[in-house]
Amino acid sequence: MKISARNQLKGTVVSIQEGAVNAIVGIKIASGDIVTATVSMSSVKELGLEVGKEAYAIIKATSVMVGVE
């Protein structure tokens, strides 16, 4: 897989919360943290995503915001 995004986090799918159109997919990475992403249900099916399967969280953002009280 060749892509331009440099922030690629390899992990294992630990959850898939299916909705009517989208799903929230949880990927547990090496640090033990879980990264979640909202993807279409068609992508879940096309990628063959299921709990226990290896996957990558690929982050490509022009801005990331952090806030505190």
PDB file of N, CA and C in Angstrom:
ATOM      1  N   MET A   1       0.851  -1.165   0.000  1.00  0.00           N
ATOM      2  CA  MET A   1       0.000   0.000   0.000  1.00  0.00           C
ATOM      3  C   MET A   1       0.897   1.228   0.000  1.00  0.00           C
ATOM      4  N   LYS A   2       0.798   2.063  -1.018  1.00  0.00           N
ATOM      5  CA  LYS A   2       1.530   3.326  -1.078  1.00  0.00           C
ATOM      6  C   LYS A   2       0.532   4.470  -1.005  1.00  0.00           C
ATOM      7  N   ILE A   3       0.747   5.336  -0.027  1.00  0.00           N
ATOM      8  CA  ILE A   3      -0.094   6.529   0.096  1.00  0.00           C
ATOM      9  C   ILE A   3       0.787   7.688   0.546  1.00  0.00           C
ATOM     10  N   SER A   4       0.267   8.907   0.399  1.00  0.00           N
ATOM     11  CA  SER A   4       1.066  10.083   0.746  1.00  0.00           C
ATOM     12  C   SER A   4       1.028  10.415   2.235  1.00  0.00           C
ATOM     13  N   ALA A   5       0.043   9.946   2.951  1.00  0.00           N
ATOM     14  CA  ALA A   5      -0.067  10.247   4.379  1.00  0.00           C
ATOM     15  C   ALA A   5       1.051   9.562   5.145  1.00  0.00           C
ATOM     16  N   ARG A   6       1.704  10.282   6.028  1.00  0.00           N
ATOM     17  CA  ARG A   6       2.819   9.726   6.797  1.00  0.00           C
ATOM     18  C   ARG A   6       2.385   9.193   8.157  1.00  0.00           C
ATOM     19  N   ASN A   7       1.237   9.582   8.622  1.00  0.00           N
ATOM     20  CA  ASN A   7       0.754   9.148   9.930  1.00  0.00           C
ATOM     21  C   ASN A   7      -0.070   7.875   9.771  1.00  0.00           C
ATOM     22  N   GLN A   8       0.624   6.732   9.771  1.00  0.00           N
ATOM     23  CA  GLN A   8      -0.007   5.437   9.599  1.00  0.00           C
ATOM     24  C   GLN A   8       0.193   4.628  10.876  1.00  0.00           C
ATOM     25  N   LEU A   9      -0.900   4.263  11.518  1.00  0.00           N
ATOM     26  CA  LEU A   9      -0.839   3.542  12.776  1.00  0.00           C
ATOM     27  C   LEU A   9      -1.406   2.141  12.572  1.00  0.00           C
ATOM     28  N   LYS A  10      -0.540   1.129  12.642  1.00  0.00           N
ATOM     29  CA  LYS A  10      -0.974  -0.250  12.452  1.00  0.00           C
ATOM     30  C   LYS A  10      -1.600  -0.769  13.736  1.00  0.00           C
ATOM     31  N   GLY A  11      -2.671  -1.509  13.589  1.00  0.00           N
ATOM     32  CA  GLY A  11      -3.323  -2.054  14.762  1.00  0.00           C
ATOM     33  C   GLY A  11      -4.285  -3.166  14.408  1.00  0.00           C
ATOM     34  N   THR A  12      -5.166  -3.437  15.344  1.00  0.00           N
ATOM     35  CA  THR A  12      -6.156  -4.494  15.195  1.00  0.00           C
ATOM     36  C   THR A  12      -7.544  -3.923  15.441  1.00  0.00           C
ATOM     37  N   VAL A  13      -8.483  -4.280  14.587  1.00  0.00           N
ATOM     38  CA  VAL A  13      -9.866  -3.827  14.755  1.00  0.00           C
ATOM     39  C   VAL A  13     -10.423  -4.463  16.027  1.00  0.00           C
ATOM     40  N   VAL A  14     -10.905  -3.621  16.940  1.00  0.00           N
ATOM     41  CA  VAL A  14     -11.459  -4.129  18.198  1.00  0.00           C
ATOM     42  C   VAL A  14     -12.960  -3.893  18.318  1.00  0.00           C
ATOM     43  N   SER A  15     -13.498  -3.012  17.468  1.00  0.00           N
ATOM     44  CA  SER A  15     -14.942  -2.780  17.513  1.00  0.00           C
ATOM     45  C   SER A  15     -15.431  -2.196  16.197  1.00  0.00           C
ATOM     46  N   ILE A  16     -16.662  -2.541  15.868  1.00  0.00           N
ATOM     47  CA  ILE A  16     -17.354  -1.951  14.716  1.00  0.00           C
ATOM     48  C   ILE A  16     -18.788  -1.699  15.151  1.00  0.00           C
ATOM     49  N   GLN A  17     -19.133  -0.423  15.293  1.00  0.00           N
ATOM     50  CA  GLN A  17     -20.498  -0.047  15.675  1.00  0.00           C
ATOM     51  C   GLN A  17     -21.221   0.358  14.401  1.00  0.00           C
ATOM     52  N   GLU A  18     -22.060  -0.532  13.914  1.00  0.00           N
ATOM     53  CA  GLU A  18     -22.737  -0.300  12.647  1.00  0.00           C
ATOM     54  C   GLU A  18     -23.966   0.567  12.811  1.00  0.00           C
ATOM     55  N   GLY A  19     -24.123   1.500  11.880  1.00  0.00           N
ATOM     56  CA  GLY A  19     -25.313   2.322  11.793  1.00  0.00           C
ATOM     57  C   GLY A  19     -25.986   2.066  10.455  1.00  0.00           C
ATOM     58  N   ALA A  20     -26.978   2.864  10.114  1.00  0.00           N
ATOM     59  CA  ALA A  20     -27.696   2.677   8.855  1.00  0.00           C
ATOM     60  C   ALA A  20     -26.810   2.991   7.653  1.00  0.00           C
ATOM     61  N   VAL A  21     -25.974   4.020   7.780  1.00  0.00           N
ATOM     62  CA  VAL A  21     -25.143   4.465   6.660  1.00  0.00           C
ATOM     63  C   VAL A  21     -23.660   4.363   6.972  1.00  0.00           C
ATOM     64  N   ASN A  22     -23.273   4.697   8.200  1.00  0.00           N
ATOM     65  CA  ASN A  22     -21.864   4.704   8.613  1.00  0.00           C
ATOM     66  C   ASN A  22     -21.612   3.738   9.756  1.00  0.00           C
ATOM     67  N   ALA A  23     -20.320   3.487   9.992  1.00  0.00           N
ATOM     68  CA  ALA A  23     -19.905   2.669  11.133  1.00  0.00           C
ATOM     69  C   ALA A  23     -18.761   3.386  11.841  1.00  0.00           C
ATOM     70  N   ILE A  24     -18.661   3.184  13.140  1.00  0.00           N
ATOM     71  CA  ILE A  24     -17.523   3.687  13.896  1.00  0.00           C
ATOM     72  C   ILE A  24     -16.616   2.489  14.153  1.00  0.00           C
ATOM     73  N   VAL A  25     -15.411   2.558  13.611  1.00  0.00           N
ATOM     74  CA  VAL A  25     -14.461   1.457  13.699  1.00  0.00           C
ATOM     75  C   VAL A  25     -13.376   1.816  14.704  1.00  0.00           C
ATOM     76  N   GLY A  26     -13.135   0.944  15.672  1.00  0.00           N
ATOM     77  CA  GLY A  26     -12.087   1.135  16.668  1.00  0.00           C
ATOM     78  C   GLY A  26     -10.895   0.261  16.335  1.00  0.00           C
ATOM     79  N   ILE A  27      -9.709   0.869  16.289  1.00  0.00           N
ATOM     80  CA  ILE A  27      -8.474   0.139  16.011  1.00  0.00           C
ATOM     81  C   ILE A  27      -7.533   0.323  17.193  1.00  0.00           C
ATOM     82  N   LYS A  28      -7.124  -0.783  17.804  1.00  0.00           N
ATOM     83  CA  LYS A  28      -6.184  -0.735  18.926  1.00  0.00           C
ATOM     84  C   LYS A  28      -4.774  -0.761  18.357  1.00  0.00           C
ATOM     85  N   ILE A  29      -3.988   0.282  18.695  1.00  0.00           N
ATOM     86  CA  ILE A  29      -2.627   0.400  18.177  1.00  0.00           C
ATOM     87  C   ILE A  29      -1.622  -0.112  19.212  1.00  0.00           C
ATOM     88  N   ALA A  30      -0.347  -0.136  18.837  1.00  0.00           N
ATOM     89  CA  ALA A  30       0.701  -0.738  19.677  1.00  0.00           C
ATOM     90  C   ALA A  30       0.756  -0.174  21.091  1.00  0.00           C
ATOM     91  N   SER A  31       0.454   1.105  21.259  1.00  0.00           N
ATOM     92  CA  SER A  31       0.516   1.718  22.594  1.00  0.00           C
ATOM     93  C   SER A  31      -0.614   1.259  23.503  1.00  0.00           C
ATOM     94  N   GLY A  32      -1.601   0.589  22.915  1.00  0.00           N
ATOM     95  CA  GLY A  32      -2.780   0.177  23.678  1.00  0.00           C
ATOM     96  C   GLY A  32      -3.939   1.138  23.522  1.00  0.00           C
ATOM     97  N   ASP A  33      -3.667   2.305  22.935  1.00  0.00           N
ATOM     98  CA  ASP A  33      -4.732   3.278  22.688  1.00  0.00           C
ATOM     99  C   ASP A  33      -5.632   2.784  21.565  1.00  0.00           C
ATOM    100  N   ILE A  34      -6.871   3.247  21.584  1.00  0.00           N
ATOM    101  CA  ILE A  34      -7.811   2.904  20.527  1.00  0.00           C
ATOM    102  C   ILE A  34      -8.122   4.161  19.728  1.00  0.00           C
ATOM    103  N   VAL A  35      -7.892   4.072  18.429  1.00  0.00           N
ATOM    104  CA  VAL A  35      -8.189   5.147  17.497  1.00  0.00           C
ATOM    105  C   VAL A  35      -9.505   4.788  16.820  1.00  0.00           C
ATOM    106  N   THR A  36     -10.431   5.749  16.736  1.00  0.00           N
ATOM    107  CA  THR A  36     -11.705   5.476  16.082  1.00  0.00           C
ATOM    108  C   THR A  36     -11.847   6.311  14.824  1.00  0.00           C
ATOM    109  N   ALA A  37     -12.574   5.759  13.877  1.00  0.00           N
ATOM    110  CA  ALA A  37     -12.842   6.458  12.627  1.00  0.00           C
ATOM    111  C   ALA A  37     -14.265   6.147  12.187  1.00  0.00           C
ATOM    112  N   THR A  38     -14.921   7.137  11.626  1.00  0.00           N
ATOM    113  CA  THR A  38     -16.239   6.942  11.048  1.00  0.00           C
ATOM    114  C   THR A  38     -16.068   6.685   9.562  1.00  0.00           C
ATOM    115  N   VAL A  39     -16.544   5.543   9.106  1.00  0.00           N
ATOM    116  CA  VAL A  39     -16.437   5.165   7.704  1.00  0.00           C
ATOM    117  C   VAL A  39     -17.804   4.695   7.221  1.00  0.00           C
ATOM    118  N   SER A  40     -17.983   4.697   5.922  1.00  0.00           N
ATOM    119  CA  SER A  40     -19.265   4.250   5.368  1.00  0.00           C
ATOM    120  C   SER A  40     -19.412   2.737   5.542  1.00  0.00           C
ATOM    121  N   MET A  41     -20.652   2.280   5.593  1.00  0.00           N
ATOM    122  CA  MET A  41     -20.908   0.845   5.685  1.00  0.00           C
ATOM    123  C   MET A  41     -20.397   0.136   4.443  1.00  0.00           C
ATOM    124  N   SER A  42     -20.456   0.809   3.299  1.00  0.00           N
ATOM    125  CA  SER A  42     -19.940   0.175   2.079  1.00  0.00           C
ATOM    126  C   SER A  42     -18.428  -0.025   2.183  1.00  0.00           C
ATOM    127  N   SER A  43     -17.716   0.892   2.844  1.00  0.00           N
ATOM    128  CA  SER A  43     -16.272   0.723   3.046  1.00  0.00           C
ATOM    129  C   SER A  43     -15.978  -0.434   3.992  1.00  0.00           C
ATOM    130  N   VAL A  44     -16.793  -0.586   5.024  1.00  0.00           N
ATOM    131  CA  VAL A  44     -16.620  -1.708   5.954  1.00  0.00           C
ATOM    132  C   VAL A  44     -16.704  -3.018   5.175  1.00  0.00           C
ATOM    133  N   LYS A  45     -17.693  -3.112   4.302  1.00  0.00           N
ATOM    134  CA  LYS A  45     -17.875  -4.336   3.518  1.00  0.00           C
ATOM    135  C   LYS A  45     -16.770  -4.507   2.486  1.00  0.00           C
ATOM    136  N   GLU A  46     -16.427  -3.429   1.784  1.00  0.00           N
ATOM    137  CA  GLU A  46     -15.412  -3.490   0.734  1.00  0.00           C
ATOM    138  C   GLU A  46     -14.040  -3.882   1.280  1.00  0.00           C
ATOM    139  N   LEU A  47     -13.700  -3.362   2.476  1.00  0.00           N
ATOM    140  CA  LEU A  47     -12.416  -3.663   3.104  1.00  0.00           C
ATOM    141  C   LEU A  47     -12.431  -4.985   3.874  1.00  0.00           C
ATOM    142  N   GLY A  48     -13.609  -5.559   4.019  1.00  0.00           N
ATOM    143  CA  GLY A  48     -13.724  -6.808   4.774  1.00  0.00           C
ATOM    144  C   GLY A  48     -13.390  -6.628   6.235  1.00  0.00           C
ATOM    145  N   LEU A  49     -13.732  -5.467   6.794  1.00  0.00           N
ATOM    146  CA  LEU A  49     -13.396  -5.195   8.189  1.00  0.00           C
ATOM    147  C   LEU A  49     -14.204  -6.078   9.127  1.00  0.00           C
ATOM    148  N   GLU A  50     -13.510  -6.631  10.108  1.00  0.00           N
ATOM    149  CA  GLU A  50     -14.143  -7.412  11.162  1.00  0.00           C
ATOM    150  C   GLU A  50     -13.236  -7.383  12.381  1.00  0.00           C
ATOM    151  N   VAL A  51     -13.819  -7.568  13.537  1.00  0.00           N
ATOM    152  CA  VAL A  51     -13.050  -7.556  14.782  1.00  0.00           C
ATOM    153  C   VAL A  51     -11.962  -8.630  14.699  1.00  0.00           C
ATOM    154  N   GLY A  52     -10.740  -8.244  15.081  1.00  0.00           N
ATOM    155  CA  GLY A  52      -9.600  -9.147  15.061  1.00  0.00           C
ATOM    156  C   GLY A  52      -8.727  -9.003  13.823  1.00  0.00           C
ATOM    157  N   LYS A  53      -9.213  -8.314  12.806  1.00  0.00           N
ATOM    158  CA  LYS A  53      -8.443  -8.144  11.576  1.00  0.00           C
ATOM    159  C   LYS A  53      -7.440  -7.004  11.738  1.00  0.00           C
ATOM    160  N   GLU A  54      -6.228  -7.172  11.175  1.00  0.00           N
ATOM    161  CA  GLU A  54      -5.241  -6.094  11.179  1.00  0.00           C
ATOM    162  C   GLU A  54      -5.689  -5.001  10.225  1.00  0.00           C
ATOM    163  N   ALA A  55      -5.443  -3.750  10.624  1.00  0.00           N
ATOM    164  CA  ALA A  55      -5.824  -2.605   9.806  1.00  0.00           C
ATOM    165  C   ALA A  55      -4.922  -1.429  10.164  1.00  0.00           C
ATOM    166  N   TYR A  56      -4.969  -0.415   9.364  1.00  0.00           N
ATOM    167  CA  TYR A  56      -4.203   0.810   9.606  1.00  0.00           C
ATOM    168  C   TYR A  56      -5.153   1.975   9.835  1.00  0.00           C
ATOM    169  N   ALA A  57      -4.842   2.793  10.829  1.00  0.00           N
ATOM    170  CA  ALA A  57      -5.491   4.094  10.987  1.00  0.00           C
ATOM    171  C   ALA A  57      -4.555   5.070  10.276  1.00  0.00           C
ATOM    172  N   ILE A  58      -5.046   5.681   9.231  1.00  0.00           N
ATOM    173  CA  ILE A  58      -4.232   6.597   8.435  1.00  0.00           C
ATOM    174  C   ILE A  58      -4.781   7.999   8.635  1.00  0.00           C
ATOM    175  N   ILE A  59      -3.930   8.884   9.151  1.00  0.00           N
ATOM    176  CA  ILE A  59      -4.370  10.227   9.520  1.00  0.00           C
ATOM    177  C   ILE A  59      -3.769  11.230   8.554  1.00  0.00           C
ATOM    178  N   LYS A  60      -4.645  11.941   7.853  1.00  0.00           N
ATOM    179  CA  LYS A  60      -4.214  12.988   6.929  1.00  0.00           C
ATOM    180  C   LYS A  60      -5.103  14.192   7.209  1.00  0.00           C
ATOM    181  N   ALA A  61      -4.580  15.147   7.915  1.00  0.00           N
ATOM    182  CA  ALA A  61      -5.372  16.309   8.286  1.00  0.00           C
ATOM    183  C   ALA A  61      -4.576  17.587   8.053  1.00  0.00           C
ATOM    184  N   THR A  62      -5.258  18.602   7.595  1.00  0.00           N
ATOM    185  CA  THR A  62      -4.585  19.888   7.422  1.00  0.00           C
ATOM    186  C   THR A  62      -4.527  20.661   8.724  1.00  0.00           C
ATOM    187  N   SER A  63      -5.397  20.279   9.673  1.00  0.00           N
ATOM    188  CA  SER A  63      -5.343  20.927  10.986  1.00  0.00           C
ATOM    189  C   SER A  63      -5.870  19.975  12.043  1.00  0.00           C
ATOM    190  N   VAL A  64      -5.270  20.042  13.219  1.00  0.00           N
ATOM    191  CA  VAL A  64      -5.714  19.264  14.365  1.00  0.00           C
ATOM    192  C   VAL A  64      -5.907  20.250  15.502  1.00  0.00           C
ATOM    193  N   MET A  65      -7.079  20.188  16.150  1.00  0.00           N
ATOM    194  CA  MET A  65      -7.373  21.130  17.214  1.00  0.00           C
ATOM    195  C   MET A  65      -7.400  20.412  18.552  1.00  0.00           C
ATOM    196  N   VAL A  66      -6.879  21.063  19.578  1.00  0.00           N
ATOM    197  CA  VAL A  66      -6.899  20.557  20.941  1.00  0.00           C
ATOM    198  C   VAL A  66      -7.394  21.691  21.817  1.00  0.00           C
ATOM    199  N   GLY A  67      -8.278  21.381  22.768  1.00  0.00           N
ATOM    200  CA  GLY A  67      -8.786  22.409  23.658  1.00  0.00           C
ATOM    201  C   GLY A  67      -8.869  21.917  25.080  1.00  0.00           C
ATOM    202  N   VAL A  68      -8.750  22.845  26.016  1.00  0.00           N
ATOM    203  CA  VAL A  68      -8.923  22.538  27.431  1.00  0.00           C
ATOM    204  C   VAL A  68      -9.724  23.659  28.068  1.00  0.00           C
ATOM    205  N   GLU A  69     -10.280  23.383  29.235  1.00  0.00           N
ATOM    206  CA  GLU A  69     -11.038  24.406  29.967  1.00  0.00           C
ATOM    207  C   GLU A  69     -10.107  25.444  30.510  1.00  0.00           C
TER     208      GLU A  69
END
